[in-house]
Amino acid sequence: MTASTQTLPQHVDVLVVGAGLTGIGVGHHLRKLQPAKTFAILEARGAMPRRPYIDMGTGYVNRAMHLFPQQGTEGPWVAAQDYKNDRRMLGKDPIEDTALSFAVATAKTLDAVR
């Protein structure tokens, strides 16, 4: 679905928040694997200031900085690249989510993604 915020549907089966690499990837796979499902991808660019994902003064990196992902200015959208800080923020809880399913990939699931 391609739409502006002026024409959003009243109902969708799946709502994807964020039109970054992951959000667009989810939309691509939904369209391919679940073509009967309706979905919308929402992006709030401008709602939070963005800054470069990495902070380097190297010229060759700076020339390509517009191609890199970005991060926000407040957590959890800040990638501090600090293991101790990330561990403290994320805690030690296991990943438990009824919407996620973890399984070993089979030839059938790999073919479906291709």
PDB file of N, CA and C in Angstrom:
ATOM      1  N   MET A   1       0.850  -1.170   0.000  1.00  0.00           N
ATOM      2  CA  MET A   1       0.000   0.000   0.000  1.00  0.00           C
ATOM      3  C   MET A   1       0.899   1.237   0.000  1.00  0.00           C
ATOM      4  N   THR A   2       0.568   2.171  -0.818  1.00  0.00           N
ATOM      5  CA  THR A   2       1.270   3.444  -0.827  1.00  0.00           C
ATOM      6  C   THR A   2       0.232   4.518  -0.559  1.00  0.00           C
ATOM      7  N   ALA A   3       0.421   5.264   0.497  1.00  0.00           N
ATOM      8  CA  ALA A   3      -0.565   6.285   0.848  1.00  0.00           C
ATOM      9  C   ALA A   3       0.092   7.370   1.669  1.00  0.00           C
ATOM     10  N   SER A   4      -0.480   8.526   1.591  1.00  0.00           N
ATOM     11  CA  SER A   4      -0.023   9.606   2.452  1.00  0.00           C
ATOM     12  C   SER A   4      -0.807   9.539   3.758  1.00  0.00           C
ATOM     13  N   THR A   5      -0.408  10.333   4.726  1.00  0.00           N
ATOM     14  CA  THR A   5      -1.123  10.329   6.010  1.00  0.00           C
ATOM     15  C   THR A   5      -2.551  10.846   5.848  1.00  0.00           C
ATOM     16  N   GLN A   6      -2.844  11.460   4.730  1.00  0.00           N
ATOM     17  CA  GLN A   6      -4.195  11.964   4.495  1.00  0.00           C
ATOM     18  C   GLN A   6      -5.170  10.843   4.152  1.00  0.00           C
ATOM     19  N   THR A   7      -4.678   9.697   3.678  1.00  0.00           N
ATOM     20  CA  THR A   7      -5.576   8.652   3.190  1.00  0.00           C
ATOM     21  C   THR A   7      -5.358   7.309   3.885  1.00  0.00           C
ATOM     22  N   LEU A   8      -5.021   7.313   5.156  1.00  0.00           N
ATOM     23  CA  LEU A   8      -4.827   6.055   5.865  1.00  0.00           C
ATOM     24  C   LEU A   8      -6.143   5.304   6.003  1.00  0.00           C
ATOM     25  N   PRO A   9      -6.098   3.974   5.893  1.00  0.00           N
ATOM     26  CA  PRO A   9      -7.324   3.180   6.044  1.00  0.00           C
ATOM     27  C   PRO A   9      -7.781   3.145   7.494  1.00  0.00           C
ATOM     28  N   GLN A  10      -9.038   2.825   7.694  1.00  0.00           N
ATOM     29  CA  GLN A  10      -9.584   2.710   9.041  1.00  0.00           C
ATOM     30  C   GLN A  10      -9.116   1.437   9.737  1.00  0.00           C
ATOM     31  N   HIS A  11      -8.817   0.391   8.955  1.00  0.00           N
ATOM     32  CA  HIS A  11      -8.413  -0.899   9.528  1.00  0.00           C
ATOM     33  C   HIS A  11      -7.326  -1.523   8.657  1.00  0.00           C
ATOM     34  N   VAL A  12      -6.336  -2.114   9.298  1.00  0.00           N
ATOM     35  CA  VAL A  12      -5.337  -2.937   8.619  1.00  0.00           C
ATOM     36  C   VAL A  12      -5.089  -4.166   9.477  1.00  0.00           C
ATOM     37  N   ASP A  13      -4.656  -5.238   8.851  1.00  0.00           N
ATOM     38  CA  ASP A  13      -4.343  -6.455   9.598  1.00  0.00           C
ATOM     39  C   ASP A  13      -3.046  -6.298  10.381  1.00  0.00           C
ATOM     40  N   VAL A  14      -2.073  -5.604   9.792  1.00  0.00           N
ATOM     41  CA  VAL A  14      -0.765  -5.428  10.423  1.00  0.00           C
ATOM     42  C   VAL A  14      -0.363  -3.968  10.320  1.00  0.00           C
ATOM     43  N   LEU A  15       0.058  -3.396  11.432  1.00  0.00           N
ATOM     44  CA  LEU A  15       0.557  -2.023  11.448  1.00  0.00           C
ATOM     45  C   LEU A  15       2.047  -2.075  11.759  1.00  0.00           C
ATOM     46  N   VAL A  16       2.864  -1.564  10.843  1.00  0.00           N
ATOM     47  CA  VAL A  16       4.316  -1.539  11.010  1.00  0.00           C
ATOM     48  C   VAL A  16       4.697  -0.109  11.369  1.00  0.00           C
ATOM     49  N   VAL A  17       5.370   0.061  12.482  1.00  0.00           N
ATOM     50  CA  VAL A  17       5.773   1.391  12.927  1.00  0.00           C
ATOM     51  C   VAL A  17       7.245   1.578  12.598  1.00  0.00           C
ATOM     52  N   GLY A  18       7.513   2.502  11.696  1.00  0.00           N
ATOM     53  CA  GLY A  18       8.884   2.800  11.288  1.00  0.00           C
ATOM     54  C   GLY A  18       9.146   2.354   9.867  1.00  0.00           C
ATOM     55  N   ALA A  19       9.529   3.286   9.021  1.00  0.00           N
ATOM     56  CA  ALA A  19       9.797   2.985   7.615  1.00  0.00           C
ATOM     57  C   ALA A  19      11.289   2.918   7.337  1.00  0.00           C
ATOM     58  N   GLY A  20      12.037   2.466   8.323  1.00  0.00           N
ATOM     59  CA  GLY A  20      13.461   2.248   8.109  1.00  0.00           C
ATOM     60  C   GLY A  20      13.670   0.924   7.401  1.00  0.00           C
ATOM     61  N   LEU A  21      14.891   0.468   7.400  1.00  0.00           N
ATOM     62  CA  LEU A  21      15.245  -0.772   6.717  1.00  0.00           C
ATOM     63  C   LEU A  21      14.400  -1.950   7.208  1.00  0.00           C
ATOM     64  N   THR A  22      14.219  -2.062   8.505  1.00  0.00           N
ATOM     65  CA  THR A  22      13.450  -3.176   9.055  1.00  0.00           C
ATOM     66  C   THR A  22      11.975  -3.063   8.695  1.00  0.00           C
ATOM     67  N   GLY A  23      11.399  -1.877   8.837  1.00  0.00           N
ATOM     68  CA  GLY A  23       9.979  -1.692   8.525  1.00  0.00           C
ATOM     69  C   GLY A  23       9.655  -1.977   7.073  1.00  0.00           C
ATOM     70  N   ILE A  24      10.491  -1.484   6.176  1.00  0.00           N
ATOM     71  CA  ILE A  24      10.274  -1.743   4.754  1.00  0.00           C
ATOM     72  C   ILE A  24      10.465  -3.226   4.455  1.00  0.00           C
ATOM     73  N   GLY A  25      11.439  -3.853   5.123  1.00  0.00           N
ATOM     74  CA  GLY A  25      11.641  -5.294   4.946  1.00  0.00           C
ATOM     75  C   GLY A  25      10.434  -6.095   5.400  1.00  0.00           C
ATOM     76  N   VAL A  26       9.857  -5.704   6.534  1.00  0.00           N
ATOM     77  CA  VAL A  26       8.649  -6.378   7.019  1.00  0.00           C
ATOM     78  C   VAL A  26       7.522  -6.229   5.997  1.00  0.00           C
ATOM     79  N   GLY A  27       7.345  -5.036   5.465  1.00  0.00           N
ATOM     80  CA  GLY A  27       6.313  -4.819   4.448  1.00  0.00           C
ATOM     81  C   GLY A  27       6.541  -5.676   3.212  1.00  0.00           C
ATOM     82  N   HIS A  28       7.781  -5.766   2.782  1.00  0.00           N
ATOM     83  CA  HIS A  28       8.117  -6.590   1.616  1.00  0.00           C
ATOM     84  C   HIS A  28       7.752  -8.047   1.867  1.00  0.00           C
ATOM     85  N   HIS A  29       8.146  -8.576   3.028  1.00  0.00           N
ATOM     86  CA  HIS A  29       7.865  -9.977   3.333  1.00  0.00           C
ATOM     87  C   HIS A  29       6.378 -10.221   3.560  1.00  0.00           C
ATOM     88  N   LEU A  30       5.671  -9.271   4.145  1.00  0.00           N
ATOM     89  CA  LEU A  30       4.219  -9.431   4.293  1.00  0.00           C
ATOM     90  C   LEU A  30       3.548  -9.531   2.931  1.00  0.00           C
ATOM     91  N   ARG A  31       3.950  -8.658   2.029  1.00  0.00           N
ATOM     92  CA  ARG A  31       3.343  -8.670   0.688  1.00  0.00           C
ATOM     93  C   ARG A  31       3.631  -9.993  -0.020  1.00  0.00           C
ATOM     94  N   LYS A  32       4.836 -10.519   0.184  1.00  0.00           N
ATOM     95  CA  LYS A  32       5.232 -11.749  -0.498  1.00  0.00           C
ATOM     96  C   LYS A  32       4.641 -12.996   0.164  1.00  0.00           C
ATOM     97  N   LEU A  33       4.679 -13.053   1.509  1.00  0.00           N
ATOM     98  CA  LEU A  33       4.282 -14.263   2.220  1.00  0.00           C
ATOM     99  C   LEU A  33       2.818 -14.287   2.639  1.00  0.00           C
ATOM    100  N   GLN A  34       2.222 -13.110   2.808  1.00  0.00           N
ATOM    101  CA  GLN A  34       0.824 -13.018   3.242  1.00  0.00           C
ATOM    102  C   GLN A  34       0.077 -12.020   2.354  1.00  0.00           C
ATOM    103  N   PRO A  35      -0.066 -12.302   1.062  1.00  0.00           N
ATOM    104  CA  PRO A  35      -0.644 -11.311   0.152  1.00  0.00           C
ATOM    105  C   PRO A  35      -2.085 -10.911   0.477  1.00  0.00           C
ATOM    106  N   ALA A  36      -2.800 -11.736   1.217  1.00  0.00           N
ATOM    107  CA  ALA A  36      -4.185 -11.389   1.563  1.00  0.00           C
ATOM    108  C   ALA A  36      -4.267 -10.407   2.731  1.00  0.00           C
ATOM    109  N   LYS A  37      -3.188 -10.243   3.475  1.00  0.00           N
ATOM    110  CA  LYS A  37      -3.172  -9.336   4.633  1.00  0.00           C
ATOM    111  C   LYS A  37      -3.015  -7.896   4.171  1.00  0.00           C
ATOM    112  N   THR A  38      -3.718  -7.002   4.828  1.00  0.00           N
ATOM    113  CA  THR A  38      -3.526  -5.577   4.580  1.00  0.00           C
ATOM    114  C   THR A  38      -2.578  -5.036   5.639  1.00  0.00           C
ATOM    115  N   PHE A  39      -1.762  -4.055   5.249  1.00  0.00           N
ATOM    116  CA  PHE A  39      -0.829  -3.497   6.207  1.00  0.00           C
ATOM    117  C   PHE A  39      -0.548  -2.047   5.868  1.00  0.00           C
ATOM    118  N   ALA A  40      -0.104  -1.335   6.874  1.00  0.00           N
ATOM    119  CA  ALA A  40       0.314   0.056   6.703  1.00  0.00           C
ATOM    120  C   ALA A  40       1.652   0.217   7.408  1.00  0.00           C
ATOM    121  N   ILE A  41       2.514   1.039   6.819  1.00  0.00           N
ATOM    122  CA  ILE A  41       3.804   1.350   7.425  1.00  0.00           C
ATOM    123  C   ILE A  41       3.771   2.829   7.784  1.00  0.00           C
ATOM    124  N   LEU A  42       3.916   3.122   9.070  1.00  0.00           N
ATOM    125  CA  LEU A  42       3.888   4.508   9.533  1.00  0.00           C
ATOM    126  C   LEU A  42       5.301   4.997   9.808  1.00  0.00           C
ATOM    127  N   GLU A  43       5.571   6.204   9.431  1.00  0.00           N
ATOM    128  CA  GLU A  43       6.876   6.811   9.678  1.00  0.00           C
ATOM    129  C   GLU A  43       6.642   8.202  10.247  1.00  0.00           C
ATOM    130  N   ALA A  44       7.343   8.524  11.294  1.00  0.00           N
ATOM    131  CA  ALA A  44       7.173   9.829  11.950  1.00  0.00           C
ATOM    132  C   ALA A  44       8.440  10.661  11.803  1.00  0.00           C
ATOM    133  N   ARG A  45       8.989  10.701  10.600  1.00  0.00           N
ATOM    134  CA  ARG A  45      10.194  11.519  10.398  1.00  0.00           C
ATOM    135  C   ARG A  45       9.911  12.940  10.848  1.00  0.00           C
ATOM    136  N   GLY A  46      10.838  13.488  11.552  1.00  0.00           N
ATOM    137  CA  GLY A  46      10.667  14.844  12.045  1.00  0.00           C
ATOM    138  C   GLY A  46      10.077  14.905  13.437  1.00  0.00           C
ATOM    139  N   ALA A  47       9.513  13.789  13.927  1.00  0.00           N
ATOM    140  CA  ALA A  47       8.934  13.793  15.267  1.00  0.00           C
ATOM    141  C   ALA A  47      10.020  13.849  16.331  1.00  0.00           C
ATOM    142  N   MET A  48      11.199  13.334  16.012  1.00  0.00           N
ATOM    143  CA  MET A  48      12.327  13.357  16.930  1.00  0.00           C
ATOM    144  C   MET A  48      13.565  13.738  16.108  1.00  0.00           C
ATOM    145  N   PRO A  49      14.381  14.602  16.642  1.00  0.00           N
ATOM    146  CA  PRO A  49      15.613  14.924  15.903  1.00  0.00           C
ATOM    147  C   PRO A  49      16.436  13.661  15.675  1.00  0.00           C
ATOM    148  N   ARG A  50      17.096  13.601  14.534  1.00  0.00           N
ATOM    149  CA  ARG A  50      17.948  12.457  14.204  1.00  0.00           C
ATOM    150  C   ARG A  50      19.395  12.895  14.184  1.00  0.00           C
ATOM    151  N   ARG A  51      20.236  11.928  14.418  1.00  0.00           N
ATOM    152  CA  ARG A  51      21.665  12.191  14.338  1.00  0.00           C
ATOM    153  C   ARG A  51      22.336  10.981  13.704  1.00  0.00           C
ATOM    154  N   PRO A  52      23.556  11.128  13.218  1.00  0.00           N
ATOM    155  CA  PRO A  52      24.225  10.006  12.562  1.00  0.00           C
ATOM    156  C   PRO A  52      24.337   8.804  13.492  1.00  0.00           C
ATOM    157  N   TYR A  53      24.295   7.636  12.898  1.00  0.00           N
ATOM    158  CA  TYR A  53      24.410   6.403  13.672  1.00  0.00           C
ATOM    159  C   TYR A  53      25.794   6.264  14.274  1.00  0.00           C
ATOM    160  N   ILE A  54      26.798   6.659  13.520  1.00  0.00           N
ATOM    161  CA  ILE A  54      28.164   6.630  14.030  1.00  0.00           C
ATOM    162  C   ILE A  54      28.727   8.043  13.979  1.00  0.00           C
ATOM    163  N   ASP A  55      29.598   8.351  14.896  1.00  0.00           N
ATOM    164  CA  ASP A  55      30.189   9.688  14.970  1.00  0.00           C
ATOM    165  C   ASP A  55      31.686   9.554  14.705  1.00  0.00           C
ATOM    166  N   MET A  56      32.052   9.769  13.451  1.00  0.00           N
ATOM    167  CA  MET A  56      33.457   9.655  13.073  1.00  0.00           C
ATOM    168  C   MET A  56      33.859  10.891  12.281  1.00  0.00           C
ATOM    169  N   GLY A  57      35.054  11.337  12.476  1.00  0.00           N
ATOM    170  CA  GLY A  57      35.548  12.490  11.747  1.00  0.00           C
ATOM    171  C   GLY A  57      36.262  12.124  10.461  1.00  0.00           C
ATOM    172  N   THR A  58      36.233  10.842  10.111  1.00  0.00           N
ATOM    173  CA  THR A  58      36.938  10.385   8.929  1.00  0.00           C
ATOM    174  C   THR A  58      36.223  10.855   7.671  1.00  0.00           C
ATOM    175  N   GLY A  59      36.967  11.442   6.749  1.00  0.00           N
ATOM    176  CA  GLY A  59      36.386  12.022   5.540  1.00  0.00           C
ATOM    177  C   GLY A  59      35.595  11.046   4.696  1.00  0.00           C
ATOM    178  N   TYR A  60      36.153   9.841   4.461  1.00  0.00           N
ATOM    179  CA  TYR A  60      35.444   8.891   3.597  1.00  0.00           C
ATOM    180  C   TYR A  60      34.147   8.412   4.228  1.00  0.00           C
ATOM    181  N   VAL A  61      34.092   8.349   5.552  1.00  0.00           N
ATOM    182  CA  VAL A  61      32.849   7.974   6.230  1.00  0.00           C
ATOM    183  C   VAL A  61      31.852   9.137   6.145  1.00  0.00           C
ATOM    184  N   ASN A  62      32.322  10.337   6.388  1.00  0.00           N
ATOM    185  CA  ASN A  62      31.434  11.506   6.347  1.00  0.00           C
ATOM    186  C   ASN A  62      30.818  11.713   4.971  1.00  0.00           C
ATOM    187  N   ARG A  63      31.559  11.400   3.910  1.00  0.00           N
ATOM    188  CA  ARG A  63      31.010  11.565   2.560  1.00  0.00           C
ATOM    189  C   ARG A  63      29.843  10.624   2.299  1.00  0.00           C
ATOM    190  N   ALA A  64      29.814   9.495   2.975  1.00  0.00           N
ATOM    191  CA  ALA A  64      28.746   8.521   2.768  1.00  0.00           C
ATOM    192  C   ALA A  64      27.736   8.514   3.916  1.00  0.00           C
ATOM    193  N   MET A  65      27.850   9.432   4.854  1.00  0.00           N
ATOM    194  CA  MET A  65      27.000   9.416   6.049  1.00  0.00           C
ATOM    195  C   MET A  65      25.509   9.439   5.713  1.00  0.00           C
ATOM    196  N   HIS A  66      25.122  10.080   4.627  1.00  0.00           N
ATOM    197  CA  HIS A  66      23.700  10.139   4.260  1.00  0.00           C
ATOM    198  C   HIS A  66      23.148   8.758   3.884  1.00  0.00           C
ATOM    199  N   LEU A  67      24.021   7.787   3.625  1.00  0.00           N
ATOM    200  CA  LEU A  67      23.594   6.438   3.268  1.00  0.00           C
ATOM    201  C   LEU A  67      23.433   5.531   4.487  1.00  0.00           C
ATOM    202  N   PHE A  68      23.997   5.934   5.618  1.00  0.00           N
ATOM    203  CA  PHE A  68      23.944   5.126   6.835  1.00  0.00           C
ATOM    204  C   PHE A  68      22.606   5.289   7.542  1.00  0.00           C
ATOM    205  N   PRO A  69      22.213   4.287   8.349  1.00  0.00           N
ATOM    206  CA  PRO A  69      21.046   4.476   9.210  1.00  0.00           C
ATOM    207  C   PRO A  69      21.305   5.632  10.174  1.00  0.00           C
ATOM    208  N   GLN A  70      20.245   6.143  10.759  1.00  0.00           N
ATOM    209  CA  GLN A  70      20.385   7.212  11.740  1.00  0.00           C
ATOM    210  C   GLN A  70      19.830   6.734  13.069  1.00  0.00           C
ATOM    211  N   GLN A  71      20.072   7.507  14.098  1.00  0.00           N
ATOM    212  CA  GLN A  71      19.532   7.195  15.416  1.00  0.00           C
ATOM    213  C   GLN A  71      18.835   8.432  15.960  1.00  0.00           C
ATOM    214  N   GLY A  72      18.016   8.216  16.975  1.00  0.00           N
ATOM    215  CA  GLY A  72      17.324   9.326  17.613  1.00  0.00           C
ATOM    216  C   GLY A  72      18.187   9.983  18.672  1.00  0.00           C
ATOM    217  N   THR A  73      17.580  10.867  19.405  1.00  0.00           N
ATOM    218  CA  THR A  73      18.310  11.585  20.449  1.00  0.00           C
ATOM    219  C   THR A  73      17.952  11.112  21.847  1.00  0.00           C
ATOM    220  N   GLU A  74      16.966  10.223  21.952  1.00  0.00           N
ATOM    221  CA  GLU A  74      16.591   9.681  23.264  1.00  0.00           C
ATOM    222  C   GLU A  74      16.285   8.197  23.112  1.00  0.00           C
ATOM    223  N   GLY A  75      16.529   7.450  24.203  1.00  0.00           N
ATOM    224  CA  GLY A  75      16.422   5.992  24.150  1.00  0.00           C
ATOM    225  C   GLY A  75      15.025   5.523  23.932  1.00  0.00           C
ATOM    226  N   PRO A  76      14.702   4.434  23.413  1.00  0.00           N
ATOM    227  CA  PRO A  76      15.562   3.352  22.954  1.00  0.00           C
ATOM    228  C   PRO A  76      16.097   3.548  21.530  1.00  0.00           C
ATOM    229  N   TRP A  77      15.944   4.739  20.982  1.00  0.00           N
ATOM    230  CA  TRP A  77      16.393   5.000  19.616  1.00  0.00           C
ATOM    231  C   TRP A  77      17.821   5.527  19.566  1.00  0.00           C
ATOM    232  N   VAL A  78      18.514   5.435  20.679  1.00  0.00           N
ATOM    233  CA  VAL A  78      19.918   5.838  20.729  1.00  0.00           C
ATOM    234  C   VAL A  78      20.764   4.577  20.727  1.00  0.00           C
ATOM    235  N   ALA A  79      21.694   4.512  19.817  1.00  0.00           N
ATOM    236  CA  ALA A  79      22.620   3.378  19.766  1.00  0.00           C
ATOM    237  C   ALA A  79      23.941   3.849  20.354  1.00  0.00           C
ATOM    238  N   ALA A  80      24.080   3.682  21.662  1.00  0.00           N
ATOM    239  CA  ALA A  80      25.255   4.191  22.355  1.00  0.00           C
ATOM    240  C   ALA A  80      26.520   3.408  22.009  1.00  0.00           C
ATOM    241  N   GLN A  81      26.358   2.218  21.443  1.00  0.00           N
ATOM    242  CA  GLN A  81      27.484   1.343  21.126  1.00  0.00           C
ATOM    243  C   GLN A  81      28.350   1.124  22.367  1.00  0.00           C
ATOM    244  N   ASP A  82      27.663   0.880  23.467  1.00  0.00           N
ATOM    245  CA  ASP A  82      28.306   0.674  24.763  1.00  0.00           C
ATOM    246  C   ASP A  82      27.653  -0.556  25.398  1.00  0.00           C
ATOM    247  N   TYR A  83      28.365  -1.672  25.417  1.00  0.00           N
ATOM    248  CA  TYR A  83      27.793  -2.931  25.874  1.00  0.00           C
ATOM    249  C   TYR A  83      27.238  -2.827  27.296  1.00  0.00           C
ATOM    250  N   LYS A  84      28.001  -2.233  28.199  1.00  0.00           N
ATOM    251  CA  LYS A  84      27.547  -2.134  29.597  1.00  0.00           C
ATOM    252  C   LYS A  84      26.261  -1.330  29.699  1.00  0.00           C
ATOM    253  N   ASN A  85      26.186  -0.236  28.981  1.00  0.00           N
ATOM    254  CA  ASN A  85      24.978   0.594  28.996  1.00  0.00           C
ATOM    255  C   ASN A  85      23.799  -0.158  28.378  1.00  0.00           C
ATOM    256  N   ASP A  86      24.025  -0.831  27.252  1.00  0.00           N
ATOM    257  CA  ASP A  86      22.954  -1.593  26.608  1.00  0.00           C
ATOM    258  C   ASP A  86      22.447  -2.698  27.520  1.00  0.00           C
ATOM    259  N   ARG A  87      23.356  -3.388  28.179  1.00  0.00           N
ATOM    260  CA  ARG A  87      22.978  -4.483  29.073  1.00  0.00           C
ATOM    261  C   ARG A  87      22.138  -3.962  30.243  1.00  0.00           C
ATOM    262  N   ARG A  88      22.533  -2.812  30.766  1.00  0.00           N
ATOM    263  CA  ARG A  88      21.793  -2.201  31.866  1.00  0.00           C
ATOM    264  C   ARG A  88      20.393  -1.786  31.395  1.00  0.00           C
ATOM    265  N   MET A  89      20.313  -1.223  30.204  1.00  0.00           N
ATOM    266  CA  MET A  89      19.037  -0.748  29.682  1.00  0.00           C
ATOM    267  C   MET A  89      18.110  -1.910  29.336  1.00  0.00           C
ATOM    268  N   LEU A  90      18.650  -2.969  28.738  1.00  0.00           N
ATOM    269  CA  LEU A  90      17.824  -4.078  28.282  1.00  0.00           C
ATOM    270  C   LEU A  90      17.540  -5.099  29.368  1.00  0.00           C
ATOM    271  N   GLY A  91      18.323  -5.088  30.412  1.00  0.00           N
ATOM    272  CA  GLY A  91      18.103  -6.032  31.500  1.00  0.00           C
ATOM    273  C   GLY A  91      18.553  -7.431  31.133  1.00  0.00           C
ATOM    274  N   LYS A  92      18.178  -8.364  31.952  1.00  0.00           N
ATOM    275  CA  LYS A  92      18.588  -9.749  31.737  1.00  0.00           C
ATOM    276  C   LYS A  92      17.403 -10.650  31.452  1.00  0.00           C
ATOM    277  N   ASP A  93      16.248 -10.069  31.178  1.00  0.00           N
ATOM    278  CA  ASP A  93      15.053 -10.862  30.921  1.00  0.00           C
ATOM    279  C   ASP A  93      15.165 -11.608  29.600  1.00  0.00           C
ATOM    280  N   PRO A  94      14.590 -12.805  29.540  1.00  0.00           N
ATOM    281  CA  PRO A  94      14.572 -13.533  28.267  1.00  0.00           C
ATOM    282  C   PRO A  94      13.591 -12.864  27.297  1.00  0.00           C
ATOM    283  N   ILE A  95      13.748 -13.144  26.041  1.00  0.00           N
ATOM    284  CA  ILE A  95      12.822 -12.602  25.036  1.00  0.00           C
ATOM    285  C   ILE A  95      11.567 -13.453  25.051  1.00  0.00           C
ATOM    286  N   GLU A  96      10.465 -12.850  25.432  1.00  0.00           N
ATOM    287  CA  GLU A  96       9.177 -13.540  25.435  1.00  0.00           C
ATOM    288  C   GLU A  96       8.183 -12.638  24.747  1.00  0.00           C
ATOM    289  N   ASP A  97       7.646 -13.108  23.630  1.00  0.00           N
ATOM    290  CA  ASP A  97       6.694 -12.309  22.864  1.00  0.00           C
ATOM    291  C   ASP A  97       5.767 -13.263  22.139  1.00  0.00           C
ATOM    292  N   THR A  98       4.475 -13.158  22.400  1.00  0.00           N
ATOM    293  CA  THR A  98       3.521 -14.069  21.763  1.00  0.00           C
ATOM    294  C   THR A  98       3.427 -13.833  20.261  1.00  0.00           C
ATOM    295  N   ALA A  99       3.862 -12.673  19.779  1.00  0.00           N
ATOM    296  CA  ALA A  99       3.799 -12.384  18.348  1.00  0.00           C
ATOM    297  C   ALA A  99       4.984 -12.952  17.595  1.00  0.00           C
ATOM    298  N   LEU A 100       6.047 -13.355  18.310  1.00  0.00           N
ATOM    299  CA  LEU A 100       7.238 -13.890  17.664  1.00  0.00           C
ATOM    300  C   LEU A 100       7.274 -15.401  17.787  1.00  0.00           C
ATOM    301  N   SER A 101       7.830 -16.021  16.772  1.00  0.00           N
ATOM    302  CA  SER A 101       7.991 -17.463  16.789  1.00  0.00           C
ATOM    303  C   SER A 101       9.431 -17.775  16.406  1.00  0.00           C
ATOM    304  N   PHE A 102      10.153 -18.440  17.289  1.00  0.00           N
ATOM    305  CA  PHE A 102      11.529 -18.809  17.031  1.00  0.00           C
ATOM    306  C   PHE A 102      11.577 -20.282  16.670  1.00  0.00           C
ATOM    307  N   ALA A 103      12.181 -20.601  15.524  1.00  0.00           N
ATOM    308  CA  ALA A 103      12.267 -21.984  15.090  1.00  0.00           C
ATOM    309  C   ALA A 103      13.476 -22.150  14.186  1.00  0.00           C
ATOM    310  N   VAL A 104      13.874 -23.392  14.021  1.00  0.00           N
ATOM    311  CA  VAL A 104      14.967 -23.702  13.109  1.00  0.00           C
ATOM    312  C   VAL A 104      14.437 -23.600  11.681  1.00  0.00           C
ATOM    313  N   ALA A 105      15.178 -22.922  10.825  1.00  0.00           N
ATOM    314  CA  ALA A 105      14.757 -22.764   9.437  1.00  0.00           C
ATOM    315  C   ALA A 105      14.781 -24.109   8.722  1.00  0.00           C
ATOM    316  N   THR A 106      13.766 -24.345   7.929  1.00  0.00           N
ATOM    317  CA  THR A 106      13.708 -25.557   7.109  1.00  0.00           C
ATOM    318  C   THR A 106      13.821 -25.153   5.645  1.00  0.00           C
ATOM    319  N   ALA A 107      13.999 -26.109   4.766  1.00  0.00           N
ATOM    320  CA  ALA A 107      14.083 -25.809   3.338  1.00  0.00           C
ATOM    321  C   ALA A 107      12.805 -25.112   2.865  1.00  0.00           C
ATOM    322  N   LYS A 108      11.660 -25.502   3.404  1.00  0.00           N
ATOM    323  CA  LYS A 108      10.381 -24.900   3.003  1.00  0.00           C
ATOM    324  C   LYS A 108      10.320 -23.427   3.425  1.00  0.00           C
ATOM    325  N   THR A 109      10.720 -23.097   4.654  1.00  0.00           N
ATOM    326  CA  THR A 109      10.677 -21.700   5.090  1.00  0.00           C
ATOM    327  C   THR A 109      11.695 -20.867   4.341  1.00  0.00           C
ATOM    328  N   LEU A 110      12.855 -21.436   4.032  1.00  0.00           N
ATOM    329  CA  LEU A 110      13.870 -20.684   3.282  1.00  0.00           C
ATOM    330  C   LEU A 110      13.395 -20.419   1.854  1.00  0.00           C
ATOM    331  N   ASP A 111      12.718 -21.386   1.234  1.00  0.00           N
ATOM    332  CA  ASP A 111      12.188 -21.178  -0.114  1.00  0.00           C
ATOM    333  C   ASP A 111      11.117 -20.094  -0.129  1.00  0.00           C
ATOM    334  N   ALA A 112      10.329 -20.014   0.936  1.00  0.00           N
ATOM    335  CA  ALA A 112       9.263 -19.007   1.003  1.00  0.00           C
ATOM    336  C   ALA A 112       9.826 -17.597   1.057  1.00  0.00           C
ATOM    337  N   VAL A 113      11.000 -17.441   1.635  1.00  0.00           N
ATOM    338  CA  VAL A 113      11.608 -16.115   1.757  1.00  0.00           C
ATOM    339  C   VAL A 113      12.291 -15.685   0.468  1.00  0.00           C
ATOM    340  N   ARG A 114      12.738 -16.631  -0.301  1.00  0.00           N
ATOM    341  CA  ARG A 114      13.453 -16.301  -1.545  1.00  0.00           C
ATOM    342  C   ARG A 114      12.570 -15.740  -2.590  1.00  0.00           C
TER     343      ARG A 114
END
